[in-house]
Every structure is written in C-alpha cells, then in structure tokens.
C-alpha atoms as a PDB file:
ATOM      1  CA  UNK A   1     -44.515 202.978  19.107  1.00  0.00           C
ATOM      2  CA  UNK A   2     -43.666 203.104  15.393  1.00  0.00           C
ATOM      3  CA  UNK A   3     -47.238 202.270  14.334  1.00  0.00           C
ATOM      4  CA  UNK A   4     -48.588 205.639  15.505  1.00  0.00           C
ATOM      5  CA  UNK A   5     -49.436 208.005  12.662  1.00  0.00           C
ATOM      6  CA  UNK A   6     -49.058 211.744  12.276  1.00  0.00           C
ATOM      7  CA  UNK A   7     -52.151 213.928  12.237  1.00  0.00           C
ATOM      8  CA  UNK A   8     -51.865 214.785   8.551  1.00  0.00           C
ATOM      9  CA  UNK A   9     -51.438 211.123   7.535  1.00  0.00           C
ATOM     10  CA  UNK A  10     -54.518 210.183   9.544  1.00  0.00           C
ATOM     11  CA  UNK A  11     -56.517 213.030   8.044  1.00  0.00           C
ATOM     12  CA  UNK A  12     -55.455 212.003   4.529  1.00  0.00           C
ATOM     13  CA  UNK A  13     -56.623 208.426   5.093  1.00  0.00           C
ATOM     14  CA  UNK A  14     -59.967 209.605   6.484  1.00  0.00           C
ATOM     15  CA  UNK A  15     -60.500 211.940   3.522  1.00  0.00           C
ATOM     16  CA  UNK A  16     -59.484 209.204   1.091  1.00  0.00           C
ATOM     17  CA  UNK A  17     -61.950 206.688   2.538  1.00  0.00           C
ATOM     18  CA  UNK A  18     -64.713 209.295   2.450  1.00  0.00           C
ATOM     19  CA  UNK A  19     -63.918 210.257  -1.139  1.00  0.00           C
ATOM     20  CA  UNK A  20     -63.015 213.825  -0.178  1.00  0.00           C
ATOM     21  CA  UNK A  21     -60.145 216.063  -1.240  1.00  0.00           C
ATOM     22  CA  UNK A  22     -57.088 215.604   0.969  1.00  0.00           C
ATOM     23  CA  UNK A  23     -56.003 218.795   2.745  1.00  0.00           C
ATOM     24  CA  UNK A  24     -52.437 219.826   1.935  1.00  0.00           C
ATOM     25  CA  UNK A  25     -51.745 220.878   5.521  1.00  0.00           C
ATOM     26  CA  UNK A  26     -53.507 221.258   8.858  1.00  0.00           C
ATOM     27  CA  UNK A  27     -52.102 224.733   9.472  1.00  0.00           C
ATOM     28  CA  UNK A  28     -54.325 227.475   8.128  1.00  0.00           C
ATOM     29  CA  UNK A  29     -57.155 225.292   6.843  1.00  0.00           C
ATOM     30  CA  UNK A  30     -59.607 227.347   4.780  1.00  0.00           C
ATOM     31  CA  UNK A  31     -62.326 225.009   3.502  1.00  0.00           C
ATOM     32  CA  UNK A  32     -65.117 224.069   5.887  1.00  0.00           C
ATOM     33  CA  UNK A  33     -64.882 220.353   5.123  1.00  0.00           C
ATOM     34  CA  UNK A  34     -61.220 220.079   6.174  1.00  0.00           C
ATOM     35  CA  UNK A  35     -61.877 222.211   9.249  1.00  0.00           C
ATOM     36  CA  UNK A  36     -64.664 219.818  10.208  1.00  0.00           C
ATOM     37  CA  UNK A  37     -62.447 216.752   9.743  1.00  0.00           C
ATOM     38  CA  UNK A  38     -59.744 218.223  11.989  1.00  0.00           C
ATOM     39  CA  UNK A  39     -62.340 219.137  14.604  1.00  0.00           C
ATOM     40  CA  UNK A  40     -63.753 215.613  14.485  1.00  0.00           C
ATOM     41  CA  UNK A  41     -60.228 214.189  14.832  1.00  0.00           C
ATOM     42  CA  UNK A  42     -59.655 216.216  18.007  1.00  0.00           C
ATOM     43  CA  UNK A  43     -63.089 215.314  19.319  1.00  0.00           C
ATOM     44  CA  UNK A  44     -62.500 211.612  18.660  1.00  0.00           C
ATOM     45  CA  UNK A  45     -59.142 211.586  20.447  1.00  0.00           C
ATOM     46  CA  UNK A  46     -60.540 213.189  23.580  1.00  0.00           C
ATOM     47  CA  UNK A  47     -63.718 211.114  23.617  1.00  0.00           C
ATOM     48  CA  UNK A  48     -61.827 207.822  23.375  1.00  0.00           C
ATOM     49  CA  UNK A  49     -60.139 208.629  26.701  1.00  0.00           C
ATOM     50  CA  UNK A  50     -63.583 208.391  28.321  1.00  0.00           C
ATOM     51  CA  UNK A  51     -64.468 205.039  26.774  1.00  0.00           C
ATOM     52  CA  UNK A  52     -61.564 202.885  27.939  1.00  0.00           C
ATOM     53  CA  UNK A  53     -58.449 203.018  30.145  1.00  0.00           C
ATOM     54  CA  UNK A  54     -55.916 202.686  27.309  1.00  0.00           C
ATOM     55  CA  UNK A  55     -52.614 201.336  28.619  1.00  0.00           C
ATOM     56  CA  UNK A  56     -50.504 203.956  26.791  1.00  0.00           C
ATOM     57  CA  UNK A  57     -52.146 206.732  28.814  1.00  0.00           C
ATOM     58  CA  UNK A  58     -51.927 205.156  32.267  1.00  0.00           C
ATOM     59  CA  UNK A  59     -49.425 206.829  34.574  1.00  0.00           C
ATOM     60  CA  UNK A  60     -48.365 206.618  38.192  1.00  0.00           C
ATOM     61  CA  UNK A  61     -48.358 209.556  40.581  1.00  0.00           C
ATOM     62  CA  UNK A  62     -46.428 209.242  43.831  1.00  0.00           C
ATOM     63  CA  UNK A  63     -45.819 211.991  46.364  1.00  0.00           C
ATOM     64  CA  UNK A  64     -44.625 212.457  49.921  1.00  0.00           C
ATOM     65  CA  UNK A  65     -46.877 214.178  52.431  1.00  0.00           C
ATOM     66  CA  UNK A  66     -45.870 217.443  54.079  1.00  0.00           C
ATOM     67  CA  UNK A  67     -46.597 218.085  57.780  1.00  0.00           C
ATOM     68  CA  UNK A  68     -49.821 220.057  58.325  1.00  0.00           C
ATOM     69  CA  UNK A  69     -50.750 219.942  54.609  1.00  0.00           C
ATOM     70  CA  UNK A  70     -53.908 218.081  53.610  1.00  0.00           C
ATOM     71  CA  UNK A  71     -54.293 219.145  49.960  1.00  0.00           C
ATOM     72  CA  UNK A  72     -52.021 218.265  47.024  1.00  0.00           C
ATOM     73  CA  UNK A  73     -52.274 219.424  43.398  1.00  0.00           C
ATOM     74  CA  UNK A  74     -52.705 216.544  40.963  1.00  0.00           C
ATOM     75  CA  UNK A  75     -50.397 216.262  37.895  1.00  0.00           C
ATOM     76  CA  UNK A  76     -51.038 218.754  35.088  1.00  0.00           C
ATOM     77  CA  UNK A  77     -52.151 216.005  32.670  1.00  0.00           C
ATOM     78  CA  UNK A  78     -54.525 214.390  35.195  1.00  0.00           C
ATOM     79  CA  UNK A  79     -57.845 213.205  33.738  1.00  0.00           C
ATOM     80  CA  UNK A  80     -59.099 210.730  36.354  1.00  0.00           C
ATOM     81  CA  UNK A  81     -57.612 208.180  38.735  1.00  0.00           C
ATOM     82  CA  UNK A  82     -57.906 204.413  38.401  1.00  0.00           C
ATOM     83  CA  UNK A  83     -60.014 202.961  41.179  1.00  0.00           C
ATOM     84  CA  UNK A  84     -58.383 200.927  43.945  1.00  0.00           C
ATOM     85  CA  UNK A  85     -54.826 201.937  43.038  1.00  0.00           C
ATOM     86  CA  UNK A  86     -54.424 204.445  45.882  1.00  0.00           C
ATOM     87  CA  UNK A  87     -51.896 203.124  48.396  1.00  0.00           C
ATOM     88  CA  UNK A  88     -49.995 204.310  51.439  1.00  0.00           C
ATOM     89  CA  UNK A  89     -46.641 202.761  50.577  1.00  0.00           C
ATOM     90  CA  UNK A  90     -45.112 203.775  53.866  1.00  0.00           C
ATOM     91  CA  UNK A  91     -47.540 201.684  55.914  1.00  0.00           C
ATOM     92  CA  UNK A  92     -48.310 199.241  53.072  1.00  0.00           C
ATOM     93  CA  UNK A  93     -52.075 199.509  53.099  1.00  0.00           C
ATOM     94  CA  UNK A  94     -54.669 201.012  50.743  1.00  0.00           C
ATOM     95  CA  UNK A  95     -56.053 204.497  51.249  1.00  0.00           C
ATOM     96  CA  UNK A  96     -59.734 204.656  52.149  1.00  0.00           C
ATOM     97  CA  UNK A  97     -61.912 206.313  49.551  1.00  0.00           C
ATOM     98  CA  UNK A  98     -62.819 208.084  47.477  1.00  0.00           C
ATOM     99  CA  UNK A  99     -65.121 209.681  50.026  1.00  0.00           C
ATOM    100  CA  UNK A 100     -68.303 211.452  48.969  1.00  0.00           C
ATOM    101  CA  UNK A 101     -69.051 215.053  49.923  1.00  0.00           C
ATOM    102  CA  UNK A 102     -71.353 213.789  52.673  1.00  0.00           C
ATOM    103  CA  UNK A 103     -68.768 211.363  54.060  1.00  0.00           C
ATOM    104  CA  UNK A 104     -66.106 214.074  53.959  1.00  0.00           C
ATOM    105  CA  UNK A 105     -68.302 216.489  55.900  1.00  0.00           C
ATOM    106  CA  UNK A 106     -68.970 213.759  58.457  1.00  0.00           C
ATOM    107  CA  UNK A 107     -65.263 212.991  58.826  1.00  0.00           C
ATOM    108  CA  UNK A 108     -64.354 216.656  59.243  1.00  0.00           C
ATOM    109  CA  UNK A 109     -67.197 217.518  61.608  1.00  0.00           C
ATOM    110  CA  UNK A 110     -67.829 214.499  63.796  1.00  0.00           C
ATOM    111  CA  UNK A 111     -66.026 212.694  66.553  1.00  0.00           C
ATOM    112  CA  UNK A 112     -64.425 209.778  64.756  1.00  0.00           C
ATOM    113  CA  UNK A 113     -61.236 207.856  65.312  1.00  0.00           C
ATOM    114  CA  UNK A 114     -58.817 209.261  62.751  1.00  0.00           C
ATOM    115  CA  UNK A 115     -55.876 206.895  62.824  1.00  0.00           C
ATOM    116  CA  UNK A 116     -54.224 204.833  61.557  1.00  0.00           C
ATOM    117  CA  UNK A 117     -55.784 204.862  58.064  1.00  0.00           C
ATOM    118  CA  UNK A 118     -55.856 207.842  55.683  1.00  0.00           C
ATOM    119  CA  UNK A 119     -58.996 208.825  53.739  1.00  0.00           C
ATOM    120  CA  UNK A 120     -59.048 210.718  50.441  1.00  0.00           C
ATOM    121  CA  UNK A 121     -61.173 212.480  47.843  1.00  0.00           C
ATOM    122  CA  UNK A 122     -60.483 214.530  44.699  1.00  0.00           C
ATOM    123  CA  UNK A 123     -62.041 217.983  44.307  1.00  0.00           C
ATOM    124  CA  UNK A 124     -61.140 219.894  41.158  1.00  0.00           C
ATOM    125  CA  UNK A 125     -57.384 219.587  40.774  1.00  0.00           C
ATOM    126  CA  UNK A 126     -56.780 218.863  44.450  1.00  0.00           C
ATOM    127  CA  UNK A 127     -56.167 215.485  46.075  1.00  0.00           C
ATOM    128  CA  UNK A 128     -57.387 215.816  49.659  1.00  0.00           C
ATOM    129  CA  UNK A 129     -56.322 213.551  52.519  1.00  0.00           C
ATOM    130  CA  UNK A 130     -57.727 213.214  56.032  1.00  0.00           C
ATOM    131  CA  UNK A 131     -56.586 213.339  58.728  1.00  0.00           C
ATOM    132  CA  UNK A 132     -53.975 215.945  57.848  1.00  0.00           C
ATOM    133  CA  UNK A 133     -50.535 214.660  58.903  1.00  0.00           C
ATOM    134  CA  UNK A 134     -49.261 216.752  61.816  1.00  0.00           C
ATOM    135  CA  UNK A 135     -45.742 218.014  62.308  1.00  0.00           C
ATOM    136  CA  UNK A 136     -44.828 215.127  64.576  1.00  0.00           C
ATOM    137  CA  UNK A 137     -45.980 212.510  62.043  1.00  0.00           C
ATOM    138  CA  UNK A 138     -43.389 211.001  59.748  1.00  0.00           C
ATOM    139  CA  UNK A 139     -43.993 211.738  56.030  1.00  0.00           C
ATOM    140  CA  UNK A 140     -46.053 209.177  54.149  1.00  0.00           C
ATOM    141  CA  UNK A 141     -45.517 208.151  50.547  1.00  0.00           C
ATOM    142  CA  UNK A 142     -48.817 207.890  48.682  1.00  0.00           C
ATOM    143  CA  UNK A 143     -49.071 206.487  45.153  1.00  0.00           C
ATOM    144  CA  UNK A 144     -51.790 205.768  42.597  1.00  0.00           C
ATOM    145  CA  UNK A 145     -52.383 205.286  38.881  1.00  0.00           C
ATOM    146  CA  UNK A 146     -54.258 207.794  36.759  1.00  0.00           C
ATOM    147  CA  UNK A 147     -55.248 208.449  33.164  1.00  0.00           C
ATOM    148  CA  UNK A 148     -53.414 211.198  31.313  1.00  0.00           C
ATOM    149  CA  UNK A 149     -55.402 213.646  29.183  1.00  0.00           C
ATOM    150  CA  UNK A 150     -52.536 213.899  26.675  1.00  0.00           C
ATOM    151  CA  UNK A 151     -53.079 211.647  23.660  1.00  0.00           C
ATOM    152  CA  UNK A 152     -50.869 213.619  21.262  1.00  0.00           C
ATOM    153  CA  UNK A 153     -47.111 214.097  21.000  1.00  0.00           C
ATOM    154  CA  UNK A 154     -46.703 217.459  19.295  1.00  0.00           C
ATOM    155  CA  UNK A 155     -44.165 218.307  16.626  1.00  0.00           C
ATOM    156  CA  UNK A 156     -41.661 219.444  19.293  1.00  0.00           C
ATOM    157  CA  UNK A 157     -41.904 216.142  21.179  1.00  0.00           C
ATOM    158  CA  UNK A 158     -44.112 217.467  23.987  1.00  0.00           C
ATOM    159  CA  UNK A 159     -47.347 215.773  25.162  1.00  0.00           C
ATOM    160  CA  UNK A 160     -50.585 217.578  24.288  1.00  0.00           C
ATOM    161  CA  UNK A 161     -54.340 217.056  24.327  1.00  0.00           C
ATOM    162  CA  UNK A 162     -55.146 218.636  20.944  1.00  0.00           C
ATOM    163  CA  UNK A 163     -53.816 218.489  17.373  1.00  0.00           C
ATOM    164  CA  UNK A 164     -52.488 221.700  15.853  1.00  0.00           C
ATOM    165  CA  UNK A 165     -49.817 220.754  13.299  1.00  0.00           C
ATOM    166  CA  UNK A 166     -49.214 218.200  10.554  1.00  0.00           C
ATOM    167  CA  UNK A 167     -46.437 216.380  12.419  1.00  0.00           C
ATOM    168  CA  UNK A 168     -48.336 215.914  15.689  1.00  0.00           C
ATOM    169  CA  UNK A 169     -48.368 212.193  16.503  1.00  0.00           C
ATOM    170  CA  UNK A 170     -51.633 210.545  17.558  1.00  0.00           C
ATOM    171  CA  UNK A 171     -51.053 207.905  20.242  1.00  0.00           C
ATOM    172  CA  UNK A 172     -53.952 205.677  19.257  1.00  0.00           C
ATOM    173  CA  UNK A 173     -54.085 202.812  16.819  1.00  0.00           C
ATOM    174  CA  UNK A 174     -54.536 204.687  13.504  1.00  0.00           C
ATOM    175  CA  UNK A 175     -57.342 202.454  12.239  1.00  0.00           C
ATOM    176  CA  UNK A 176     -59.341 203.062  15.404  1.00  0.00           C
ATOM    177  CA  UNK A 177     -59.102 206.818  14.840  1.00  0.00           C
ATOM    178  CA  UNK A 178     -59.933 206.549  11.156  1.00  0.00           C
ATOM    179  CA  UNK A 179     -63.057 204.443  11.766  1.00  0.00           C
ATOM    180  CA  UNK A 180     -64.214 206.697  14.615  1.00  0.00           C
ATOM    181  CA  UNK A 181     -63.775 209.929  12.655  1.00  0.00           C
ATOM    182  CA  UNK A 182     -65.640 208.422   9.691  1.00  0.00           C
ATOM    183  CA  UNK A 183     -68.521 207.464  11.990  1.00  0.00           C
ATOM    184  CA  UNK A 184     -68.617 210.944  13.509  1.00  0.00           C
ATOM    185  CA  UNK A 185     -68.559 212.492  10.008  1.00  0.00           C
ATOM    186  CA  UNK A 186     -71.541 210.386   8.961  1.00  0.00           C
ATOM    187  CA  UNK A 187     -73.412 211.413  12.119  1.00  0.00           C
ATOM    188  CA  UNK A 188     -72.587 215.069  11.491  1.00  0.00           C
ATOM    189  CA  UNK A 189     -73.956 214.890   7.942  1.00  0.00           C
ATOM    190  CA  UNK A 190     -77.064 212.963   8.962  1.00  0.00           C
ATOM    191  CA  UNK A 191     -76.115 209.865   6.937  1.00  0.00           C
ATOM    192  CA  UNK A 192     -77.008 206.261   7.747  1.00  0.00           C
ATOM    193  CA  UNK A 193     -74.361 205.141  10.271  1.00  0.00           C
ATOM    194  CA  UNK A 194     -74.981 201.392  10.691  1.00  0.00           C
ATOM    195  CA  UNK A 195     -72.075 200.265   8.481  1.00  0.00           C
ATOM    196  CA  UNK A 196     -69.471 202.775   9.718  1.00  0.00           C
ATOM    197  CA  UNK A 197     -70.536 202.220  13.320  1.00  0.00           C
ATOM    198  CA  UNK A 198     -70.068 198.484  12.848  1.00  0.00           C
ATOM    199  CA  UNK A 199     -66.563 199.074  11.445  1.00  0.00           C
ATOM    200  CA  UNK A 200     -65.647 201.238  14.427  1.00  0.00           C
ATOM    201  CA  UNK A 201     -67.009 198.818  17.017  1.00  0.00           C
ATOM    202  CA  UNK A 202     -65.199 195.844  15.515  1.00  0.00           C
ATOM    203  CA  UNK A 203     -61.856 197.664  15.722  1.00  0.00           C
ATOM    204  CA  UNK A 204     -62.628 199.120  19.161  1.00  0.00           C
ATOM    205  CA  UNK A 205     -63.635 195.769  20.658  1.00  0.00           C
ATOM    206  CA  UNK A 206     -60.629 194.026  19.142  1.00  0.00           C
ATOM    207  CA  UNK A 207     -58.154 196.594  20.499  1.00  0.00           C
ATOM    208  CA  UNK A 208     -59.654 196.816  23.984  1.00  0.00           C
ATOM    209  CA  UNK A 209     -59.607 193.033  24.186  1.00  0.00           C
ATOM    210  CA  UNK A 210     -55.907 192.938  23.315  1.00  0.00           C
ATOM    211  CA  UNK A 211     -54.766 196.028  25.241  1.00  0.00           C
ATOM    212  CA  UNK A 212     -53.702 194.425  28.530  1.00  0.00           C
ATOM    213  CA  UNK A 213     -54.422 190.740  28.066  1.00  0.00           C
ATOM    214  CA  UNK A 214     -56.523 188.577  30.353  1.00  0.00           C
ATOM    215  CA  UNK A 215     -55.823 187.128  33.767  1.00  0.00           C
ATOM    216  CA  UNK A 216     -55.256 183.383  34.180  1.00  0.00           C
ATOM    217  CA  UNK A 217     -58.462 181.756  35.304  1.00  0.00           C
ATOM    218  CA  UNK A 218     -58.257 179.910  38.602  1.00  0.00           C
ATOM    219  CA  UNK A 219     -60.615 177.758  40.627  1.00  0.00           C
ATOM    220  CA  UNK A 220     -58.990 179.152  43.796  1.00  0.00           C
ATOM    221  CA  UNK A 221     -58.563 182.899  43.176  1.00  0.00           C
ATOM    222  CA  UNK A 222     -56.762 184.982  45.764  1.00  0.00           C
END
C-alpha cells in the first residue's frame, strides 16, 4: 500500500505536531526526547495489534497432520488466532475448541468417544489436536486464520515487529499512528489528554469502521 509511511517520516510528523525538534535519523539517537518518541512509536504499533483485528495483518495457516503427531508449531509471526476459523478441510467440518485446560485434561484422561471430530487448544507456540491421528488414519488438512505480530516491513523488505531504521515501513494508516503516539506522549508527560485522546479515537473509530466493510442486513439470515 503506497499510503504507508516510513518510520522517520512518521517520527518527523509527530515531532512537528508536538513542536519538538525533528530527529535527523533513528539510528544512534542521543537525546532523550527522540529516544522516547521512537519507544512510543514501537509501543503504539504493538499495542494496536491488541485493539483490533486489522485486515492487513490477518493471515491463513494451513497444515497437514502427521501420523502419531498431536502437536504442531504455530507460524513464527503468530500472535493469536481468529475465533471460529479453525476447520478440518479434509472432512469439511469445524474443529472443536479451543478447549480449556480442564476440558483437555478430561479428554485425555476419561473414557470419551474420540471420533470423528478433532478437538484443539493452543499452549505456548504449540497447536495441540486430540485425538492424535494414528498411522492408519489418512492425513487431515487443518486451516485457520491468525493475526501476525509483524506490523513493520524493514529496510531490507522483511517483516518485523519493531522499528530500528529510518526506512522501516509502518503498515498502519500514518494518521492513526501519529495521533496515538501524540496521545501516549501527553500521557507520559502528565499533560491533559482529553483533546489528543479525542483525535485518536475519531481516527481509530473511522478506520476500524471502514477496514472490512459491513455485512448486508437480512430479515432471513443464514
């Protein structure tokens, strides 16, 4: 998307709106104020991932089960999965879960009919399925959507979760980032935040409302 800004351009706009000196470069920052602004920029980018499921960070993970293996490592950029997107595409039905620790212990320790549906839970970086497919069971293809933790494209073109260089590209609407960093700066300094918080919320609400559109309303929904 051509409307994404580099880290240094974003930082310059933030500093300009706050009436502060614009840092010449992100690399090797010396003054405390510029260091704080960069830290707030990184904090804002990671926090925004928790507030909304931005479409640009949604990904699909699909894998094929291996006989006698019940644990699979999630993708390296995994942040969290999107509820009710977990499907067994081989049998064309949803996976059952996520199961709580108590439900998982019950499944593993009690006498319960295992088939035909698969259950799941995520523990750490492992996606667990139960029952474990045995050697005589045909492989299943499981798929789901998840949120990526990488909101930056670094200066070499690789995805990343933190800003380190001037040319790193921030994959958020630039005005959302600018308003959020300004609000966080005001909070950090102990200033009155009503006005800057209002600016941020207006942009945030506008963008989340436009991000994926709205479903057509129906009197006879499926």
